[in-house]
Amino acid sequence: MKVSPHAWPFAASALVAALVPGAWVHWSAALPAIVFLLFTLWFFRDPERDVPQDAGLLVSPADGTIIGARPDRISIFMNVFNVHVCRAPAAGKVRSVVHHPGRFLAAWRDEAPEQNERVVVDLDVEDGSLRFTL
């Protein structure tokens, strides 16, 4: 299974944290860091998806639970057990990607979509354009 590249700084830190006490103290001193290393690799897993290819189809960009839906927004909450990789919800060409720094409010708070850190992506699709926020 693939692992997201975002995992490697955390995994490298955990590996160093496991090797140092494991080499100098006792192997059992490395266990917490080894557990963290394994959790990191599992958390950042990036499994292959079998995505339908029908024209005009929108698919979920992320694993998780829908916690809100409006005509212009669907909010998805990802818990610790979900795959934390976001994908484009439609086939197309990326026109722009804009990062908006922000807060880290709980996802279920009403003001979270406007105040939290996010990335807005504009995608040119077969029948127009699509904007989505990650």
C-alpha atoms as a PDB file:
ATOM      1  CA  MET A   1       0.000   0.000   0.000  1.00  0.00           C
ATOM      2  CA  LYS A   2       1.200   3.495  -0.807  1.00  0.00           C
ATOM      3  CA  VAL A   3       1.924   5.988   1.954  1.00  0.00           C
ATOM      4  CA  SER A   4       1.440   9.722   1.482  1.00  0.00           C
ATOM      5  CA  PRO A   5       4.702  11.695   1.194  1.00  0.00           C
ATOM      6  CA  HIS A   6       3.472  13.847   4.088  1.00  0.00           C
ATOM      7  CA  ALA A   7       4.152  10.890   6.395  1.00  0.00           C
ATOM      8  CA  TRP A   8       7.902  10.757   5.908  1.00  0.00           C
ATOM      9  CA  PRO A   9       8.987  13.610   8.246  1.00  0.00           C
ATOM     10  CA  PHE A  10       6.917  12.070  11.066  1.00  0.00           C
ATOM     11  CA  ALA A  11       8.066   8.550  10.257  1.00  0.00           C
ATOM     12  CA  ALA A  12      11.730   9.602  10.142  1.00  0.00           C
ATOM     13  CA  SER A  13      11.401  11.338  13.521  1.00  0.00           C
ATOM     14  CA  ALA A  14       9.771   8.249  15.013  1.00  0.00           C
ATOM     15  CA  LEU A  15      12.482   6.016  13.573  1.00  0.00           C
ATOM     16  CA  VAL A  16      15.235   8.151  15.119  1.00  0.00           C
ATOM     17  CA  ALA A  17      13.294   8.242  18.388  1.00  0.00           C
ATOM     18  CA  ALA A  18      13.184   4.432  18.302  1.00  0.00           C
ATOM     19  CA  LEU A  19      16.811   3.847  17.315  1.00  0.00           C
ATOM     20  CA  VAL A  20      18.439   6.049  19.950  1.00  0.00           C
ATOM     21  CA  PRO A  21      16.928   4.506  23.097  1.00  0.00           C
ATOM     22  CA  GLY A  22      16.861   1.084  21.424  1.00  0.00           C
ATOM     23  CA  ALA A  23      20.602   1.212  20.810  1.00  0.00           C
ATOM     24  CA  TRP A  24      21.712   2.921  24.012  1.00  0.00           C
ATOM     25  CA  VAL A  25      19.282   1.719  26.644  1.00  0.00           C
ATOM     26  CA  HIS A  26      17.256  -1.370  25.808  1.00  0.00           C
ATOM     27  CA  TRP A  27      15.083  -2.440  22.886  1.00  0.00           C
ATOM     28  CA  SER A  28      11.949  -2.088  25.023  1.00  0.00           C
ATOM     29  CA  ALA A  29      12.669   1.639  25.431  1.00  0.00           C
ATOM     30  CA  ALA A  30      12.062   1.984  21.690  1.00  0.00           C
ATOM     31  CA  LEU A  31       8.549   0.485  21.797  1.00  0.00           C
ATOM     32  CA  PRO A  32       6.588   3.764  22.160  1.00  0.00           C
ATOM     33  CA  ALA A  33       8.405   5.253  19.174  1.00  0.00           C
ATOM     34  CA  ILE A  34       7.887   2.069  17.141  1.00  0.00           C
ATOM     35  CA  VAL A  35       4.161   2.171  17.921  1.00  0.00           C
ATOM     36  CA  PHE A  36       4.089   5.825  16.834  1.00  0.00           C
ATOM     37  CA  LEU A  37       5.976   4.935  13.632  1.00  0.00           C
ATOM     38  CA  LEU A  38       3.480   2.194  12.752  1.00  0.00           C
ATOM     39  CA  PHE A  39       0.533   4.461  13.575  1.00  0.00           C
ATOM     40  CA  THR A  40       2.009   7.208  11.361  1.00  0.00           C
ATOM     41  CA  LEU A  41       2.386   4.869   8.392  1.00  0.00           C
ATOM     42  CA  TRP A  42      -1.171   3.581   8.911  1.00  0.00           C
ATOM     43  CA  PHE A  43      -2.625   7.100   9.356  1.00  0.00           C
ATOM     44  CA  PHE A  44      -1.026   8.358   6.124  1.00  0.00           C
ATOM     45  CA  ARG A  45      -1.934   5.295   4.061  1.00  0.00           C
ATOM     46  CA  ASP A  46      -3.034   6.026   0.486  1.00  0.00           C
ATOM     47  CA  PRO A  47      -4.913   2.995  -0.850  1.00  0.00           C
ATOM     48  CA  GLU A  48      -5.801   2.626  -4.512  1.00  0.00           C
ATOM     49  CA  ARG A  49      -9.415   3.493  -5.291  1.00  0.00           C
ATOM     50  CA  ASP A  50     -11.618   2.024  -7.999  1.00  0.00           C
ATOM     51  CA  VAL A  51     -13.353   5.234  -9.101  1.00  0.00           C
ATOM     52  CA  PRO A  52     -16.263   5.174 -11.571  1.00  0.00           C
ATOM     53  CA  GLN A  53     -15.376   7.014 -14.792  1.00  0.00           C
ATOM     54  CA  ASP A  54     -18.861   8.093 -15.939  1.00  0.00           C
ATOM     55  CA  ALA A  55     -18.978  11.541 -17.573  1.00  0.00           C
ATOM     56  CA  GLY A  56     -20.243  14.304 -15.285  1.00  0.00           C
ATOM     57  CA  LEU A  57     -19.992  12.139 -12.190  1.00  0.00           C
ATOM     58  CA  LEU A  58     -18.967  13.677  -8.850  1.00  0.00           C
ATOM     59  CA  VAL A  59     -17.418  11.395  -6.250  1.00  0.00           C
ATOM     60  CA  SER A  60     -16.540  11.968  -2.626  1.00  0.00           C
ATOM     61  CA  PRO A  61     -13.143  13.665  -2.331  1.00  0.00           C
ATOM     62  CA  ALA A  62     -12.475  12.101   1.074  1.00  0.00           C
ATOM     63  CA  ASP A  63     -13.371   9.251   3.399  1.00  0.00           C
ATOM     64  CA  GLY A  64     -15.471  10.292   6.349  1.00  0.00           C
ATOM     65  CA  THR A  65     -18.939  11.256   7.484  1.00  0.00           C
ATOM     66  CA  ILE A  66     -21.048  13.972   5.897  1.00  0.00           C
ATOM     67  CA  ILE A  67     -21.757  16.451   8.700  1.00  0.00           C
ATOM     68  CA  GLY A  68     -23.439  19.140   6.635  1.00  0.00           C
ATOM     69  CA  ALA A  69     -24.901  19.692   3.203  1.00  0.00           C
ATOM     70  CA  ARG A  70     -26.125  22.790   1.395  1.00  0.00           C
ATOM     71  CA  PRO A  71     -26.607  23.482  -2.309  1.00  0.00           C
ATOM     72  CA  ASP A  72     -23.103  25.004  -2.430  1.00  0.00           C
ATOM     73  CA  ARG A  73     -21.274  22.906   0.180  1.00  0.00           C
ATOM     74  CA  ILE A  74     -20.904  19.380   1.478  1.00  0.00           C
ATOM     75  CA  SER A  75     -18.890  19.117   4.705  1.00  0.00           C
ATOM     76  CA  ILE A  76     -17.076  15.860   5.435  1.00  0.00           C
ATOM     77  CA  PHE A  77     -15.559  15.044   8.832  1.00  0.00           C
ATOM     78  CA  MET A  78     -12.611  12.648   8.838  1.00  0.00           C
ATOM     79  CA  ASN A  79     -11.927  10.858  12.105  1.00  0.00           C
ATOM     80  CA  VAL A  80      -8.637   9.228  13.022  1.00  0.00           C
ATOM     81  CA  PHE A  81      -9.687   5.919  11.415  1.00  0.00           C
ATOM     82  CA  ASN A  82     -10.439   7.403   7.977  1.00  0.00           C
ATOM     83  CA  VAL A  83      -7.887   7.594   5.170  1.00  0.00           C
ATOM     84  CA  HIS A  84      -6.520  11.165   5.338  1.00  0.00           C
ATOM     85  CA  VAL A  85      -5.963  11.714   1.629  1.00  0.00           C
ATOM     86  CA  CYS A  86      -8.154  14.101  -0.344  1.00  0.00           C
ATOM     87  CA  ARG A  87      -8.786  13.542  -4.023  1.00  0.00           C
ATOM     88  CA  ALA A  88     -10.394  15.565  -6.800  1.00  0.00           C
ATOM     89  CA  PRO A  89     -14.157  14.885  -6.904  1.00  0.00           C
ATOM     90  CA  ALA A  90     -14.277  14.961 -10.725  1.00  0.00           C
ATOM     91  CA  ALA A  91     -12.057  14.393 -13.739  1.00  0.00           C
ATOM     92  CA  GLY A  92     -10.557  17.607 -15.078  1.00  0.00           C
ATOM     93  CA  LYS A  93      -7.598  19.939 -15.294  1.00  0.00           C
ATOM     94  CA  VAL A  94      -6.488  21.972 -12.278  1.00  0.00           C
ATOM     95  CA  ARG A  95      -6.700  25.678 -13.095  1.00  0.00           C
ATOM     96  CA  SER A  96      -5.639  27.077  -9.702  1.00  0.00           C
ATOM     97  CA  VAL A  97      -4.771  26.099  -6.141  1.00  0.00           C
ATOM     98  CA  VAL A  98      -4.928  28.770  -3.429  1.00  0.00           C
ATOM     99  CA  HIS A  99      -3.871  28.182   0.192  1.00  0.00           C
ATOM    100  CA  HIS A 100      -5.758  30.138   2.861  1.00  0.00           C
ATOM    101  CA  PRO A 101      -4.028  30.146   6.268  1.00  0.00           C
ATOM    102  CA  GLY A 102      -6.411  29.980   9.172  1.00  0.00           C
ATOM    103  CA  ARG A 103      -7.426  28.403  12.421  1.00  0.00           C
ATOM    104  CA  PHE A 104      -7.929  24.759  13.344  1.00  0.00           C
ATOM    105  CA  LEU A 105     -11.441  24.796  14.773  1.00  0.00           C
ATOM    106  CA  ALA A 106     -13.406  21.589  15.292  1.00  0.00           C
ATOM    107  CA  ALA A 107     -14.948  20.581  11.958  1.00  0.00           C
ATOM    108  CA  TRP A 108     -18.529  20.568  13.264  1.00  0.00           C
ATOM    109  CA  ARG A 109     -18.454  24.235  14.328  1.00  0.00           C
ATOM    110  CA  ASP A 110     -20.497  26.474  12.024  1.00  0.00           C
ATOM    111  CA  GLU A 111     -17.653  28.938  11.504  1.00  0.00           C
ATOM    112  CA  ALA A 112     -15.022  26.261  10.737  1.00  0.00           C
ATOM    113  CA  PRO A 113     -15.397  26.278   6.915  1.00  0.00           C
ATOM    114  CA  GLU A 114     -14.674  30.010   6.724  1.00  0.00           C
ATOM    115  CA  GLN A 115     -12.077  30.282   9.502  1.00  0.00           C
ATOM    116  CA  ASN A 116     -10.057  27.059   9.259  1.00  0.00           C
ATOM    117  CA  GLU A 117      -6.922  26.650   7.175  1.00  0.00           C
ATOM    118  CA  ARG A 118      -7.900  25.380   3.745  1.00  0.00           C
ATOM    119  CA  VAL A 119      -6.947  25.019   0.101  1.00  0.00           C
ATOM    120  CA  VAL A 120      -9.332  26.111  -2.662  1.00  0.00           C
ATOM    121  CA  VAL A 121      -8.972  24.297  -5.977  1.00  0.00           C
ATOM    122  CA  ASP A 122     -10.505  25.394  -9.286  1.00  0.00           C
ATOM    123  CA  LEU A 123     -10.927  22.535 -11.710  1.00  0.00           C
ATOM    124  CA  ASP A 124     -11.856  22.763 -15.395  1.00  0.00           C
ATOM    125  CA  VAL A 125     -14.247  19.877 -16.030  1.00  0.00           C
ATOM    126  CA  GLU A 126     -15.936  18.595 -19.165  1.00  0.00           C
ATOM    127  CA  ASP A 127     -19.027  20.809 -18.841  1.00  0.00           C
ATOM    128  CA  GLY A 128     -17.587  23.913 -17.144  1.00  0.00           C
ATOM    129  CA  SER A 129     -15.695  24.491 -13.940  1.00  0.00           C
ATOM    130  CA  LEU A 130     -15.787  23.203 -10.392  1.00  0.00           C
ATOM    131  CA  ARG A 131     -14.445  24.807  -7.224  1.00  0.00           C
ATOM    132  CA  PHE A 132     -13.824  22.724  -4.145  1.00  0.00           C
ATOM    133  CA  THR A 133     -12.212  23.358  -0.795  1.00  0.00           C
ATOM    134  CA  LEU A 134      -9.952  20.951   1.067  1.00  0.00           C
END
